[in-house]
Amino acid sequence: HTWGIEAQSNALDALKKKYGLPARSHSEKMKGLRSRFPVQYAEWDAKDYSVRFEGVITSVDWGRITLATPRYMQLRKDQPAKR
């Protein structure tokens, strides 16, 4: 996990330094989180794994970096959604 909105720029810069420019990225204003800054999202695709960055997840204080293999991502995709 990361320190959310406050640390997202530093976390994203570190990921860009390590993995290069992301394959996909965007930012958006989060409604209801009372944030003045847009949340940043980015994804990198490597041969054997992928990296996903979410500047904020459940609150402005928490973000997430996920490393996953293509097999793991397929298994998650194939599982029925939890309710």
Protein backbone atom coordinates (compact mmCIF):
# COMPACT_ATOMS: atom_id res chain seq x y z
CA HIS A 1 0.00 0.00 0.00
CA THR A 2 0.98 3.64 -0.40
CA TRP A 3 0.11 6.75 1.60
CA GLY A 4 -2.65 7.76 -0.81
CA ILE A 5 -3.19 11.17 -2.31
CA GLU A 6 -0.32 12.75 -0.40
CA ALA A 7 2.26 10.28 -1.73
CA GLN A 8 0.86 9.43 -5.17
CA SER A 9 3.19 11.74 -7.12
CA ASN A 10 6.31 10.31 -5.45
CA ALA A 11 5.08 6.73 -5.85
CA LEU A 12 4.21 7.28 -9.52
CA ASP A 13 7.58 8.93 -10.20
CA ALA A 14 9.40 5.99 -8.58
CA LEU A 15 7.41 3.50 -10.68
CA LYS A 16 8.15 5.44 -13.88
CA LYS A 17 11.84 5.47 -13.00
CA LYS A 18 11.80 1.71 -12.46
CA TYR A 19 9.44 0.56 -15.27
CA GLY A 20 9.47 3.45 -17.76
CA LEU A 21 6.39 5.20 -19.08
CA PRO A 22 3.14 3.38 -18.32
CA ALA A 23 1.20 1.54 -21.04
CA ARG A 24 -2.00 3.15 -19.75
CA SER A 25 -2.61 6.02 -17.37
CA HIS A 26 -5.30 8.50 -16.42
CA SER A 27 -6.36 10.72 -13.57
CA GLU A 28 -9.80 11.58 -12.26
CA LYS A 29 -11.42 13.59 -9.50
CA MET A 30 -12.89 11.36 -6.82
CA LYS A 31 -16.36 12.38 -5.78
CA GLY A 32 -17.12 12.21 -2.08
CA LEU A 33 -13.50 11.97 -0.94
CA ARG A 34 -13.12 15.74 -0.49
CA SER A 35 -9.89 15.80 -2.45
CA ARG A 36 -8.74 18.88 -4.30
CA PHE A 37 -6.28 16.81 -6.34
CA PRO A 38 -7.11 14.23 -9.01
CA VAL A 39 -6.30 10.60 -8.28
CA GLN A 40 -3.73 9.07 -10.61
CA TYR A 41 -3.84 5.58 -12.10
CA ALA A 42 -1.21 3.81 -14.23
CA GLU A 43 -0.45 0.34 -15.60
CA TRP A 44 2.68 -1.26 -17.01
CA ASP A 45 2.82 -4.49 -19.00
CA ALA A 46 5.94 -6.64 -18.93
CA LYS A 47 6.40 -10.09 -20.45
CA ASP A 48 6.00 -12.03 -17.19
CA TYR A 49 4.07 -9.60 -14.97
CA SER A 50 2.06 -6.42 -14.85
CA VAL A 51 2.19 -3.46 -12.48
CA ARG A 52 -0.90 -1.49 -11.54
CA PHE A 53 -0.85 1.78 -9.58
CA GLU A 54 -3.94 3.26 -7.94
CA GLY A 55 -3.23 6.57 -6.22
CA VAL A 56 -6.25 6.18 -3.91
CA ILE A 57 -8.35 3.13 -3.11
CA THR A 58 -10.70 3.29 -0.10
CA SER A 59 -9.80 6.69 1.37
CA VAL A 60 -7.51 9.59 0.51
CA ASP A 61 -4.96 8.08 2.90
CA TRP A 62 -4.50 4.77 1.05
CA GLY A 63 -3.22 3.88 -2.41
CA ARG A 64 -2.06 0.59 -3.89
CA ILE A 65 0.59 -0.92 -6.14
CA THR A 66 -0.22 -4.40 -7.45
CA LEU A 67 2.26 -6.76 -9.14
CA ALA A 68 0.63 -9.73 -10.87
CA THR A 69 1.36 -12.44 -13.41
CA PRO A 70 -0.86 -12.88 -16.48
CA ARG A 71 -2.03 -16.25 -15.07
CA TYR A 72 -3.15 -14.63 -11.82
CA MET A 73 -5.01 -11.89 -13.68
CA GLN A 74 -6.79 -14.51 -15.81
CA LEU A 75 -7.77 -16.51 -12.72
CA ARG A 76 -9.25 -13.38 -11.14
CA LYS A 77 -11.11 -12.55 -14.33
CA ASP A 78 -12.57 -16.08 -14.55
CA GLN A 79 -13.86 -16.12 -10.97
CA PRO A 80 -17.45 -15.03 -10.38
CA ALA A 81 -17.86 -11.65 -8.70
CA LYS A 82 -18.34 -11.70 -4.92
CA ARG A 83 -21.45 -10.06 -3.56
